[in-house]
């Protein structure tokens, strides 16, 4: 399978938190408007042409996961 630098697997925060996150990003990240708030899990990822096949694999490995809470202590960015 080919990795590409045009996609990533990410966690997207709940919509109710996005405006607050964007306000912080606007202050510190000149490119905040380029993409929504997110936490990168896997980058580079796979081409869009493989998404359908990957979806079933991701569902299989994550189907028994329960929701969980987390506290983020450090924020970072790609240069």
C-alpha atoms as a PDB file:
ATOM      1  CA  UNK A   1       0.000   0.000   0.000  1.00  0.00           C
ATOM      2  CA  UNK A   2       1.148   3.475  -0.853  1.00  0.00           C
ATOM      3  CA  UNK A   3       1.424   6.296   1.668  1.00  0.00           C
ATOM      4  CA  UNK A   4       0.507   9.789   0.530  1.00  0.00           C
ATOM      5  CA  UNK A   5       1.069  13.200   2.076  1.00  0.00           C
ATOM      6  CA  UNK A   6      -2.395  14.462   1.133  1.00  0.00           C
ATOM      7  CA  UNK A   7      -4.381  12.518   3.727  1.00  0.00           C
ATOM      8  CA  UNK A   8      -4.169  11.660   7.409  1.00  0.00           C
ATOM      9  CA  UNK A   9      -6.114   9.772  10.042  1.00  0.00           C
ATOM     10  CA  UNK A  10      -7.168  12.296  12.669  1.00  0.00           C
ATOM     11  CA  UNK A  11      -9.361  12.774  15.697  1.00  0.00           C
ATOM     12  CA  UNK A  12     -11.725  15.709  15.345  1.00  0.00           C
ATOM     13  CA  UNK A  13     -12.808  17.406  18.577  1.00  0.00           C
ATOM     14  CA  UNK A  14     -16.508  17.824  19.331  1.00  0.00           C
ATOM     15  CA  UNK A  15     -18.126  20.660  17.405  1.00  0.00           C
ATOM     16  CA  UNK A  16     -18.925  22.554  20.619  1.00  0.00           C
ATOM     17  CA  UNK A  17     -15.159  22.962  21.255  1.00  0.00           C
ATOM     18  CA  UNK A  18     -14.060  23.975  17.770  1.00  0.00           C
ATOM     19  CA  UNK A  19     -14.654  27.733  18.070  1.00  0.00           C
ATOM     20  CA  UNK A  20     -12.595  27.889  21.272  1.00  0.00           C
ATOM     21  CA  UNK A  21      -9.805  25.885  19.689  1.00  0.00           C
ATOM     22  CA  UNK A  22      -9.848  28.046  16.571  1.00  0.00           C
ATOM     23  CA  UNK A  23      -9.562  31.194  18.710  1.00  0.00           C
ATOM     24  CA  UNK A  24      -6.349  29.839  20.238  1.00  0.00           C
ATOM     25  CA  UNK A  25      -5.050  28.685  16.876  1.00  0.00           C
ATOM     26  CA  UNK A  26      -5.802  32.079  15.328  1.00  0.00           C
ATOM     27  CA  UNK A  27      -3.565  33.679  17.939  1.00  0.00           C
ATOM     28  CA  UNK A  28      -0.616  31.295  17.474  1.00  0.00           C
ATOM     29  CA  UNK A  29      -0.961  29.654  14.049  1.00  0.00           C
ATOM     30  CA  UNK A  30      -0.932  31.829  10.957  1.00  0.00           C
ATOM     31  CA  UNK A  31      -2.302  28.876   8.945  1.00  0.00           C
ATOM     32  CA  UNK A  32      -5.188  28.098  11.312  1.00  0.00           C
ATOM     33  CA  UNK A  33      -7.736  28.648   8.528  1.00  0.00           C
ATOM     34  CA  UNK A  34      -6.274  25.901   6.295  1.00  0.00           C
ATOM     35  CA  UNK A  35      -7.816  22.961   8.178  1.00  0.00           C
ATOM     36  CA  UNK A  36     -10.154  22.247  11.041  1.00  0.00           C
ATOM     37  CA  UNK A  37      -8.938  21.555  14.590  1.00  0.00           C
ATOM     38  CA  UNK A  38      -7.691  17.979  14.817  1.00  0.00           C
ATOM     39  CA  UNK A  39      -5.267  15.564  16.449  1.00  0.00           C
ATOM     40  CA  UNK A  40      -3.164  13.630  13.961  1.00  0.00           C
ATOM     41  CA  UNK A  41      -3.047   9.880  14.543  1.00  0.00           C
ATOM     42  CA  UNK A  42      -1.394   8.696  11.325  1.00  0.00           C
ATOM     43  CA  UNK A  43       0.419  10.837   8.751  1.00  0.00           C
ATOM     44  CA  UNK A  44       1.169  10.205   5.973  1.00  0.00           C
ATOM     45  CA  UNK A  45      -1.860   8.046   5.379  1.00  0.00           C
ATOM     46  CA  UNK A  46      -3.306   6.299   2.314  1.00  0.00           C
ATOM     47  CA  UNK A  47      -4.704   7.577  -0.983  1.00  0.00           C
ATOM     48  CA  UNK A  48      -8.412   8.318  -1.146  1.00  0.00           C
ATOM     49  CA  UNK A  49      -8.842   5.436  -3.602  1.00  0.00           C
ATOM     50  CA  UNK A  50      -8.128   3.044  -0.681  1.00  0.00           C
ATOM     51  CA  UNK A  51     -10.542   4.630   1.825  1.00  0.00           C
ATOM     52  CA  UNK A  52     -13.421   2.190   1.211  1.00  0.00           C
ATOM     53  CA  UNK A  53     -11.213  -0.849   1.802  1.00  0.00           C
ATOM     54  CA  UNK A  54      -9.590   0.769   4.841  1.00  0.00           C
ATOM     55  CA  UNK A  55     -12.955   1.636   6.363  1.00  0.00           C
ATOM     56  CA  UNK A  56     -13.877  -2.008   6.921  1.00  0.00           C
ATOM     57  CA  UNK A  57     -10.447  -2.728   8.440  1.00  0.00           C
ATOM     58  CA  UNK A  58     -10.703   0.243  10.784  1.00  0.00           C
ATOM     59  CA  UNK A  59     -14.202  -0.801  11.855  1.00  0.00           C
ATOM     60  CA  UNK A  60     -12.961  -4.335  12.606  1.00  0.00           C
ATOM     61  CA  UNK A  61     -10.123  -3.197  14.864  1.00  0.00           C
ATOM     62  CA  UNK A  62     -12.099  -0.471  16.609  1.00  0.00           C
ATOM     63  CA  UNK A  63     -15.591  -1.959  16.961  1.00  0.00           C
ATOM     64  CA  UNK A  64     -15.085  -2.986  20.588  1.00  0.00           C
ATOM     65  CA  UNK A  65     -13.486   0.271  21.714  1.00  0.00           C
ATOM     66  CA  UNK A  66     -15.432   2.212  24.302  1.00  0.00           C
ATOM     67  CA  UNK A  67     -15.533   6.027  24.383  1.00  0.00           C
ATOM     68  CA  UNK A  68     -12.876   7.511  26.625  1.00  0.00           C
ATOM     69  CA  UNK A  69     -11.880  10.868  28.037  1.00  0.00           C
ATOM     70  CA  UNK A  70      -8.395  12.264  27.779  1.00  0.00           C
ATOM     71  CA  UNK A  71      -6.511  15.316  28.946  1.00  0.00           C
ATOM     72  CA  UNK A  72      -4.047  16.871  26.544  1.00  0.00           C
ATOM     73  CA  UNK A  73      -1.023  18.312  28.290  1.00  0.00           C
ATOM     74  CA  UNK A  74       1.127  19.310  25.341  1.00  0.00           C
ATOM     75  CA  UNK A  75       0.299  20.810  21.982  1.00  0.00           C
ATOM     76  CA  UNK A  76       2.678  20.691  19.061  1.00  0.00           C
ATOM     77  CA  UNK A  77       2.755  21.259  15.330  1.00  0.00           C
ATOM     78  CA  UNK A  78       4.480  20.213  12.131  1.00  0.00           C
ATOM     79  CA  UNK A  79       7.068  22.580  10.682  1.00  0.00           C
END
